[in-house]
Structures are given as C-alpha cells and as structure tokens.
Amino acid sequence: MDADITDPLFPRIPTYNSFYDTETIQLVEDIFNKDFTTYQYPLTLL
C-alpha cells in the first residue's frame, strides 16, 4: 500500500534550503574530506 502524502501526519519533503544548511554542509565536508583534499574541490558554495 502506498503512503498517502496528503495526510498531515506524513513527513514533510525537505526544502531546497535544508540541503544547504550549516549542519548538512559540515556533514558532507566531514564525510568527503579526503575527496575534497585529493581532488581540490572548493569548500565554499558556488
């Protein structure tokens, strides 16, 4: 059975901005630190 997305108790879909909040950016930097260093990716948003 599929979930009813019109149900108010259904979890909200994340917003675009939530993918770029400080916590998420730090998490990505921590997880991919070696890649950022090896491939010299910029650590700032474009």
PDB file of N, CA and C in Angstrom:
ATOM      1  N   MET A   1       0.843  -1.175   0.000  1.00  0.00           N
ATOM      2  CA  MET A   1       0.000   0.000   0.000  1.00  0.00           C
ATOM      3  C   MET A   1       0.891   1.242   0.000  1.00  0.00           C
ATOM      4  N   ASP A   2       0.564   2.200  -0.857  1.00  0.00           N
ATOM      5  CA  ASP A   2       1.321   3.449  -0.925  1.00  0.00           C
ATOM      6  C   ASP A   2       0.921   4.379   0.206  1.00  0.00           C
ATOM      7  N   ALA A   3       1.868   5.213   0.631  1.00  0.00           N
ATOM      8  CA  ALA A   3       1.587   6.204   1.668  1.00  0.00           C
ATOM      9  C   ALA A   3       0.740   7.327   1.086  1.00  0.00           C
ATOM     10  N   ASP A   4      -0.129   7.863   1.901  1.00  0.00           N
ATOM     11  CA  ASP A   4      -0.986   8.974   1.496  1.00  0.00           C
ATOM     12  C   ASP A   4      -0.260  10.276   1.809  1.00  0.00           C
ATOM     13  N   ILE A   5       0.308  10.916   0.772  1.00  0.00           N
ATOM     14  CA  ILE A   5       1.091  12.127   1.008  1.00  0.00           C
ATOM     15  C   ILE A   5       0.229  13.337   1.353  1.00  0.00           C
ATOM     16  N   THR A   6      -1.093  13.209   1.222  1.00  0.00           N
ATOM     17  CA  THR A   6      -1.969  14.312   1.620  1.00  0.00           C
ATOM     18  C   THR A   6      -2.299  14.245   3.108  1.00  0.00           C
ATOM     19  N   ASP A   7      -1.932  13.154   3.758  1.00  0.00           N
ATOM     20  CA  ASP A   7      -2.152  13.003   5.195  1.00  0.00           C
ATOM     21  C   ASP A   7      -1.245  13.978   5.939  1.00  0.00           C
ATOM     22  N   PRO A   8      -1.795  14.834   6.806  1.00  0.00           N
ATOM     23  CA  PRO A   8      -0.971  15.818   7.522  1.00  0.00           C
ATOM     24  C   PRO A   8       0.098  15.183   8.414  1.00  0.00           C
ATOM     25  N   LEU A   9      -0.036  13.912   8.750  1.00  0.00           N
ATOM     26  CA  LEU A   9       0.966  13.240   9.574  1.00  0.00           C
ATOM     27  C   LEU A   9       2.134  12.694   8.741  1.00  0.00           C
ATOM     28  N   PHE A  10       1.985  12.727   7.418  1.00  0.00           N
ATOM     29  CA  PHE A  10       3.050  12.267   6.534  1.00  0.00           C
ATOM     30  C   PHE A  10       4.230  13.231   6.648  1.00  0.00           C
ATOM     31  N   PRO A  11       5.470  12.720   6.766  1.00  0.00           N
ATOM     32  CA  PRO A  11       6.632  13.616   6.910  1.00  0.00           C
ATOM     33  C   PRO A  11       6.746  14.590   5.742  1.00  0.00           C
ATOM     34  N   ARG A  12       7.128  15.798   6.066  1.00  0.00           N
ATOM     35  CA  ARG A  12       7.294  16.821   5.030  1.00  0.00           C
ATOM     36  C   ARG A  12       8.484  16.502   4.139  1.00  0.00           C
ATOM     37  N   ILE A  13       8.393  16.892   2.903  1.00  0.00           N
ATOM     38  CA  ILE A  13       9.507  16.755   1.975  1.00  0.00           C
ATOM     39  C   ILE A  13      10.515  17.848   2.320  1.00  0.00           C
ATOM     40  N   PRO A  14      11.809  17.526   2.379  1.00  0.00           N
ATOM     41  CA  PRO A  14      12.806  18.550   2.716  1.00  0.00           C
ATOM     42  C   PRO A  14      12.792  19.696   1.711  1.00  0.00           C
ATOM     43  N   THR A  15      13.040  20.880   2.196  1.00  0.00           N
ATOM     44  CA  THR A  15      13.101  22.042   1.314  1.00  0.00           C
ATOM     45  C   THR A  15      14.464  22.106   0.638  1.00  0.00           C
ATOM     46  N   TYR A  16      14.541  22.856  -0.419  1.00  0.00           N
ATOM     47  CA  TYR A  16      15.806  23.058  -1.134  1.00  0.00           C
ATOM     48  C   TYR A  16      16.862  23.601  -0.181  1.00  0.00           C
ATOM     49  N   ASN A  17      16.494  24.590   0.630  1.00  0.00           N
ATOM     50  CA  ASN A  17      17.451  25.219   1.541  1.00  0.00           C
ATOM     51  C   ASN A  17      17.949  24.271   2.616  1.00  0.00           C
ATOM     52  N   SER A  18      17.161  23.281   2.981  1.00  0.00           N
ATOM     53  CA  SER A  18      17.591  22.362   4.035  1.00  0.00           C
ATOM     54  C   SER A  18      18.791  21.518   3.603  1.00  0.00           C
ATOM     55  N   PHE A  19      18.997  21.399   2.296  1.00  0.00           N
ATOM     56  CA  PHE A  19      20.160  20.655   1.819  1.00  0.00           C
ATOM     57  C   PHE A  19      21.439  21.481   1.904  1.00  0.00           C
ATOM     58  N   TYR A  20      21.289  22.778   2.161  1.00  0.00           N
ATOM     59  CA  TYR A  20      22.439  23.675   2.188  1.00  0.00           C
ATOM     60  C   TYR A  20      22.575  24.388   3.520  1.00  0.00           C
ATOM     61  N   ASP A  21      22.013  23.826   4.583  1.00  0.00           N
ATOM     62  CA  ASP A  21      22.177  24.448   5.892  1.00  0.00           C
ATOM     63  C   ASP A  21      23.558  24.099   6.441  1.00  0.00           C
ATOM     64  N   THR A  22      23.973  24.802   7.465  1.00  0.00           N
ATOM     65  CA  THR A  22      25.312  24.652   8.028  1.00  0.00           C
ATOM     66  C   THR A  22      25.602  23.220   8.454  1.00  0.00           C
ATOM     67  N   GLU A  23      24.647  22.584   9.091  1.00  0.00           N
ATOM     68  CA  GLU A  23      24.848  21.212   9.571  1.00  0.00           C
ATOM     69  C   GLU A  23      25.092  20.243   8.409  1.00  0.00           C
ATOM     70  N   THR A  24      24.310  20.373   7.349  1.00  0.00           N
ATOM     71  CA  THR A  24      24.448  19.476   6.204  1.00  0.00           C
ATOM     72  C   THR A  24      25.772  19.699   5.490  1.00  0.00           C
ATOM     73  N   ILE A  25      26.142  20.948   5.307  1.00  0.00           N
ATOM     74  CA  ILE A  25      27.413  21.262   4.654  1.00  0.00           C
ATOM     75  C   ILE A  25      28.576  20.682   5.455  1.00  0.00           C
ATOM     76  N   GLN A  26      28.540  20.834   6.775  1.00  0.00           N
ATOM     77  CA  GLN A  26      29.608  20.302   7.625  1.00  0.00           C
ATOM     78  C   GLN A  26      29.659  18.775   7.541  1.00  0.00           C
ATOM     79  N   LEU A  27      28.516  18.146   7.519  1.00  0.00           N
ATOM     80  CA  LEU A  27      28.456  16.689   7.418  1.00  0.00           C
ATOM     81  C   LEU A  27      29.094  16.213   6.112  1.00  0.00           C
ATOM     82  N   VAL A  28      28.761  16.855   5.014  1.00  0.00           N
ATOM     83  CA  VAL A  28      29.333  16.490   3.714  1.00  0.00           C
ATOM     84  C   VAL A  28      30.846  16.710   3.724  1.00  0.00           C
ATOM     85  N   GLU A  29      31.284  17.841   4.286  1.00  0.00           N
ATOM     86  CA  GLU A  29      32.722  18.107   4.355  1.00  0.00           C
ATOM     87  C   GLU A  29      33.444  17.039   5.183  1.00  0.00           C
ATOM     88  N   ASP A  30      32.842  16.626   6.288  1.00  0.00           N
ATOM     89  CA  ASP A  30      33.454  15.601   7.138  1.00  0.00           C
ATOM     90  C   ASP A  30      33.523  14.248   6.426  1.00  0.00           C
ATOM     91  N   ILE A  31      32.428  13.871   5.796  1.00  0.00           N
ATOM     92  CA  ILE A  31      32.360  12.562   5.137  1.00  0.00           C
ATOM     93  C   ILE A  31      33.310  12.489   3.941  1.00  0.00           C
ATOM     94  N   PHE A  32      33.377  13.575   3.176  1.00  0.00           N
ATOM     95  CA  PHE A  32      34.154  13.557   1.938  1.00  0.00           C
ATOM     96  C   PHE A  32      35.454  14.347   2.031  1.00  0.00           C
ATOM     97  N   ASN A  33      35.966  14.528   3.243  1.00  0.00           N
ATOM     98  CA  ASN A  33      37.167  15.330   3.452  1.00  0.00           C
ATOM     99  C   ASN A  33      38.333  14.874   2.572  1.00  0.00           C
ATOM    100  N   LYS A  34      38.584  13.588   2.524  1.00  0.00           N
ATOM    101  CA  LYS A  34      39.702  13.072   1.721  1.00  0.00           C
ATOM    102  C   LYS A  34      39.497  13.386   0.237  1.00  0.00           C
ATOM    103  N   ASP A  35      38.271  13.247  -0.243  1.00  0.00           N
ATOM    104  CA  ASP A  35      37.982  13.566  -1.642  1.00  0.00           C
ATOM    105  C   ASP A  35      38.198  15.049  -1.925  1.00  0.00           C
ATOM    106  N   PHE A  36      37.720  15.905  -1.015  1.00  0.00           N
ATOM    107  CA  PHE A  36      37.893  17.345  -1.206  1.00  0.00           C
ATOM    108  C   PHE A  36      39.373  17.697  -1.295  1.00  0.00           C
ATOM    109  N   THR A  37      40.179  17.060  -0.478  1.00  0.00           N
ATOM    110  CA  THR A  37      41.614  17.328  -0.461  1.00  0.00           C
ATOM    111  C   THR A  37      42.293  16.759  -1.707  1.00  0.00           C
ATOM    112  N   THR A  38      42.016  15.516  -2.006  1.00  0.00           N
ATOM    113  CA  THR A  38      42.652  14.845  -3.141  1.00  0.00           C
ATOM    114  C   THR A  38      42.321  15.520  -4.464  1.00  0.00           C
ATOM    115  N   TYR A  39      41.051  15.857  -4.658  1.00  0.00           N
ATOM    116  CA  TYR A  39      40.611  16.413  -5.939  1.00  0.00           C
ATOM    117  C   TYR A  39      40.503  17.929  -5.931  1.00  0.00           C
ATOM    118  N   GLN A  40      40.903  18.558  -4.820  1.00  0.00           N
ATOM    119  CA  GLN A  40      40.951  20.016  -4.671  1.00  0.00           C
ATOM    120  C   GLN A  40      39.617  20.691  -4.986  1.00  0.00           C
ATOM    121  N   TYR A  41      38.533  20.096  -4.473  1.00  0.00           N
ATOM    122  CA  TYR A  41      37.224  20.727  -4.611  1.00  0.00           C
ATOM    123  C   TYR A  41      37.167  21.959  -3.723  1.00  0.00           C
ATOM    124  N   PRO A  42      36.478  23.007  -4.155  1.00  0.00           N
ATOM    125  CA  PRO A  42      36.346  24.190  -3.301  1.00  0.00           C
ATOM    126  C   PRO A  42      35.446  23.882  -2.101  1.00  0.00           C
ATOM    127  N   LEU A  43      35.749  24.470  -0.967  1.00  0.00           N
ATOM    128  CA  LEU A  43      34.953  24.246   0.237  1.00  0.00           C
ATOM    129  C   LEU A  43      33.920  25.345   0.449  1.00  0.00           C
ATOM    130  N   THR A  44      33.712  26.175  -0.543  1.00  0.00           N
ATOM    131  CA  THR A  44      32.700  27.228  -0.454  1.00  0.00           C
ATOM    132  C   THR A  44      31.619  26.971  -1.489  1.00  0.00           C
ATOM    133  N   LEU A  45      30.432  27.464  -1.200  1.00  0.00           N
ATOM    134  CA  LEU A  45      29.337  27.318  -2.160  1.00  0.00           C
ATOM    135  C   LEU A  45      29.608  28.182  -3.372  1.00  0.00           C
ATOM    136  N   LEU A  46      29.142  27.729  -4.497  1.00  0.00           N
ATOM    137  CA  LEU A  46      29.327  28.497  -5.732  1.00  0.00           C
ATOM    138  C   LEU A  46      28.460  29.710  -5.759  1.00  0.00           C
TER     139      LEU A  46
END
